[in-house]
Protein backbone atom coordinates (compact mmCIF):
# COMPACT_ATOMS: atom_id res chain seq x y z
CA MET A 1 -43.68 74.27 -71.92
CA ALA A 2 -45.77 71.93 -74.06
CA ARG A 3 -47.89 73.39 -76.78
CA THR A 4 -51.50 72.42 -76.81
CA LYS A 5 -53.24 71.96 -80.11
CA SER A 6 -55.81 74.56 -80.81
CA PRO A 7 -59.03 73.68 -82.58
CA ARG A 8 -57.59 75.40 -85.64
CA CYS A 9 -55.14 72.51 -86.08
CA PHE A 10 -58.07 70.25 -86.90
CA ALA A 11 -59.69 72.74 -89.24
CA PRO A 12 -58.18 71.27 -92.45
CA VAL A 13 -59.30 67.77 -91.44
CA ALA A 14 -62.78 68.95 -90.48
CA LEU A 15 -63.06 70.92 -93.71
CA ALA A 16 -62.04 67.85 -95.74
CA VAL A 17 -64.66 65.72 -93.98
CA ILE A 18 -67.37 68.34 -94.56
CA VAL A 19 -66.44 68.68 -98.24
CA ALA A 20 -66.43 64.88 -98.65
CA LEU A 21 -69.82 64.44 -96.97
CA ALA A 22 -71.54 67.50 -98.45
CA PRO A 23 -72.97 65.76 -101.54
CA ALA A 24 -74.39 62.90 -99.47
CA LEU A 25 -75.84 65.28 -96.89
CA ALA A 26 -77.38 67.47 -99.58
CA ALA A 27 -78.85 64.45 -101.35
CA ALA A 28 -80.30 63.15 -98.08
CA GLN A 29 -81.97 66.50 -97.45
CA ASP A 30 -83.18 67.07 -101.03
CA PHE A 31 -84.32 63.54 -101.79
CA PRO A 32 -87.61 62.82 -100.09
CA GLY A 33 -87.31 59.02 -100.07
CA PHE A 34 -90.24 56.70 -100.21
CA THR A 35 -91.43 54.63 -97.29
CA PRO A 36 -94.09 51.92 -97.05
CA GLY A 37 -97.47 53.35 -96.12
CA GLN A 38 -96.64 56.80 -97.47
CA ALA A 39 -99.21 58.18 -99.93
CA ALA A 40 -98.01 58.11 -103.53
CA LYS A 41 -98.48 61.36 -105.40
CA SER A 42 -101.45 61.36 -107.77
CA PHE A 43 -101.02 62.66 -111.30
CA LYS A 44 -102.59 62.78 -114.74
CA ALA A 45 -100.63 62.37 -117.95
CA VAL A 46 -100.84 60.96 -121.47
CA ASP A 47 -99.08 57.73 -122.43
CA THR A 48 -97.06 57.12 -125.59
CA ASP A 49 -100.21 55.85 -127.35
CA GLY A 50 -101.99 59.15 -126.65
CA ARG A 51 -104.28 57.66 -123.98
CA PRO A 52 -104.90 59.56 -120.75
CA VAL A 53 -103.45 58.10 -117.54
CA SER A 54 -104.80 58.89 -114.09
CA PHE A 55 -102.55 57.56 -111.35
CA PRO A 56 -103.43 55.73 -109.15
CA GLY A 57 -107.12 55.78 -110.15
CA ASP A 58 -106.60 53.76 -113.34
CA PHE A 59 -104.97 50.97 -111.32
CA GLU A 60 -107.71 49.96 -108.87
CA ARG A 61 -107.52 46.32 -107.70
CA ARG A 62 -103.89 46.22 -108.86
CA VAL A 63 -100.39 46.50 -107.52
CA VAL A 64 -98.54 48.91 -109.81
CA LEU A 65 -94.85 49.55 -110.22
CA LEU A 66 -93.95 53.10 -111.18
CA ASP A 67 -90.75 52.59 -113.13
CA PHE A 68 -88.66 55.76 -113.48
CA TRP A 69 -86.11 54.90 -116.17
CA ALA A 70 -84.58 55.81 -119.55
CA THR A 71 -83.24 53.93 -122.57
CA TRP A 72 -79.86 55.69 -122.20
CA CYS A 73 -79.46 54.36 -118.63
CA GLY A 74 -77.43 51.14 -118.55
CA PRO A 75 -78.71 49.98 -115.14
CA CYS A 76 -82.29 50.70 -116.26
CA VAL A 77 -81.84 48.62 -119.40
CA GLY A 78 -80.33 45.86 -117.23
CA GLU A 79 -83.55 45.72 -115.17
CA VAL A 80 -85.83 45.26 -118.20
CA PRO A 81 -85.55 41.45 -118.61
CA GLY A 82 -86.47 40.84 -114.95
CA LEU A 83 -89.31 43.33 -115.11
CA VAL A 84 -90.66 41.77 -118.31
CA ALA A 85 -90.51 38.33 -116.64
CA ALA A 86 -92.32 39.60 -113.51
CA TYR A 87 -94.96 41.32 -115.65
CA SER A 88 -95.51 38.11 -117.64
CA GLN A 89 -95.81 36.06 -114.45
CA TYR A 90 -98.04 38.40 -112.41
CA HIS A 91 -99.95 40.71 -114.75
CA ALA A 92 -103.02 38.47 -115.06
CA LYS A 93 -103.08 38.21 -111.25
CA GLY A 94 -103.19 41.96 -110.61
CA PHE A 95 -99.71 43.41 -111.27
CA ASP A 96 -99.09 46.33 -113.59
CA VAL A 97 -96.22 48.58 -114.56
CA LEU A 98 -96.34 52.24 -115.53
CA GLY A 99 -93.10 53.41 -117.07
CA ILE A 100 -92.02 57.02 -116.62
CA SER A 101 -89.37 57.61 -119.26
CA LEU A 102 -86.69 60.21 -118.64
CA ASP A 103 -85.57 60.00 -122.24
CA GLN A 104 -84.53 63.19 -123.98
CA ALA A 105 -86.38 65.27 -126.55
CA LYS A 106 -86.98 63.65 -129.92
CA ALA A 107 -86.37 60.17 -128.49
CA LEU A 108 -89.93 58.86 -128.77
CA GLU A 109 -89.26 56.77 -131.88
CA GLY A 110 -86.24 55.14 -130.20
CA LEU A 111 -88.21 54.56 -127.00
CA LEU A 112 -91.01 52.82 -128.90
CA ALA A 113 -88.51 50.69 -130.83
CA PHE A 114 -86.80 49.73 -127.56
CA GLU A 115 -90.13 48.74 -126.00
CA GLU A 116 -90.96 46.52 -128.97
CA LYS A 117 -87.49 44.97 -129.13
CA THR A 118 -87.45 44.10 -125.41
CA GLY A 119 -91.09 43.03 -125.11
CA MET A 120 -92.25 45.76 -122.73
CA PRO A 121 -96.07 45.62 -123.03
CA TRP A 122 -96.95 48.13 -120.30
CA ARG A 123 -97.85 51.77 -120.67
CA GLN A 124 -95.17 54.43 -120.83
CA ILE A 125 -95.29 58.12 -120.11
CA TYR A 126 -92.74 60.22 -122.00
CA ASP A 127 -92.58 64.00 -122.21
CA GLY A 128 -89.08 64.29 -123.74
CA ARG A 129 -87.77 66.45 -120.91
CA ASP A 130 -85.06 64.13 -119.58
CA TRP A 131 -84.33 65.01 -115.91
CA GLN A 132 -86.87 67.82 -116.15
CA SER A 133 -89.66 65.29 -116.74
CA ARG A 134 -92.75 66.69 -115.04
CA ILE A 135 -93.59 63.49 -113.13
CA ALA A 136 -89.97 62.74 -112.19
CA ARG A 137 -89.61 66.25 -110.75
CA PHE A 138 -93.01 65.92 -109.04
CA TYR A 139 -91.72 62.75 -107.34
CA GLY A 140 -88.28 64.22 -106.59
CA ILE A 141 -86.44 61.54 -108.56
CA GLN A 142 -82.68 62.00 -108.21
CA ALA A 143 -81.37 58.79 -109.80
CA ILE A 144 -82.65 56.04 -112.06
CA PRO A 145 -83.73 53.30 -112.16
CA ASP A 146 -86.05 54.18 -109.32
CA PRO A 147 -88.99 51.78 -108.95
CA ILE A 148 -91.89 52.48 -106.59
CA LEU A 149 -94.53 49.81 -105.88
CA VAL A 150 -97.98 51.21 -105.10
CA ASP A 151 -101.32 49.72 -104.04
CA GLY A 152 -103.72 50.95 -106.71
CA ASP A 153 -106.69 50.91 -104.31
CA THR A 154 -105.22 52.88 -101.43
CA GLY A 155 -102.62 54.88 -103.37
CA ARG A 156 -100.09 53.94 -100.68
CA ILE A 157 -96.48 52.98 -101.32
CA ILE A 158 -95.77 49.31 -100.66
CA ALA A 159 -92.02 49.32 -101.38
CA ALA A 160 -89.40 51.34 -103.24
CA GLY A 161 -85.82 51.23 -104.42
CA ASP A 162 -83.44 48.28 -104.27
CA SER A 163 -86.06 45.82 -102.96
CA LEU A 164 -87.67 46.10 -106.40
CA ARG A 165 -84.54 45.57 -108.47
CA GLY A 166 -82.67 42.55 -109.74
CA SER A 167 -83.25 39.28 -107.90
CA SER A 168 -85.19 41.12 -105.16
CA LEU A 169 -88.04 42.12 -107.49
CA GLU A 170 -89.92 38.81 -107.71
CA PRO A 171 -89.98 37.99 -103.96
CA SER A 172 -90.95 41.59 -103.09
CA LEU A 173 -93.69 41.54 -105.67
CA ALA A 174 -95.02 38.14 -104.54
CA LYS A 175 -95.06 39.32 -100.90
CA ALA A 176 -96.98 42.51 -101.81
CA MET A 177 -99.49 40.63 -103.94
CA LYS A 178 -100.08 38.04 -101.19
CA ALA A 179 -100.63 40.84 -98.66
CA LYS A 180 -103.22 42.38 -100.97
CA GLY A 181 -104.93 39.01 -101.46
CA LEU A 182 -104.04 38.73 -105.14
CA LEU A 183 -102.00 35.56 -104.59
CA PRO A 184 -102.73 32.57 -102.32
C-alpha cells in the first residue's frame, strides 16, 4: 500500500516560504506607495534658516522634488551631485527641491556644512528626529533616498521613487516640466 503525502509534509516548506516573504508582505502593506495623480500630503514646517515652509502652497507655478534623505545615508549622498546638476539646469525654469532631512539629533551643524560643501542651495527641513521625523512619518517613508516629484499648483504627485534617481532623474524631470508647460 502506497503512502500518500499529507499536507503536513509540506508544512516546513510552506512555513519557510511564509517566513521568507513576511518582511516583503509587511512592507507592501505598511508602505503606502506613491502614484502619479495621487494628492501629496500638505504640511507646514520651518526650514534650517528658520523660515516657515507651507507645502505645496509655497511652490505654486513650480515642479518640486520632496527629497527624503540624510547625510549618513550613502545612497542619498550618491544622489546629491545629480540633484545639484538638475537643480542648476532647471531651477530658473520652474524646478525646486525641498529636502526633508532624516539626520539625527544634534546634527544640524554637520547638515549645514554638508549642504555648503556639496553646493545644495535648496531649502531643507530638519527636526533632528531621524526616522521619527514628523514629515517622514506623515508620508510613511520606509527607506531613503525617497524622492517624490509634485506639481506645486495642483499638489498632485507626478512621479516617485527610482524614476527620480540616478540617470533617470533628468529625463523624468524634463518630461514633467514639459507636461506642465515649463519647457518647450
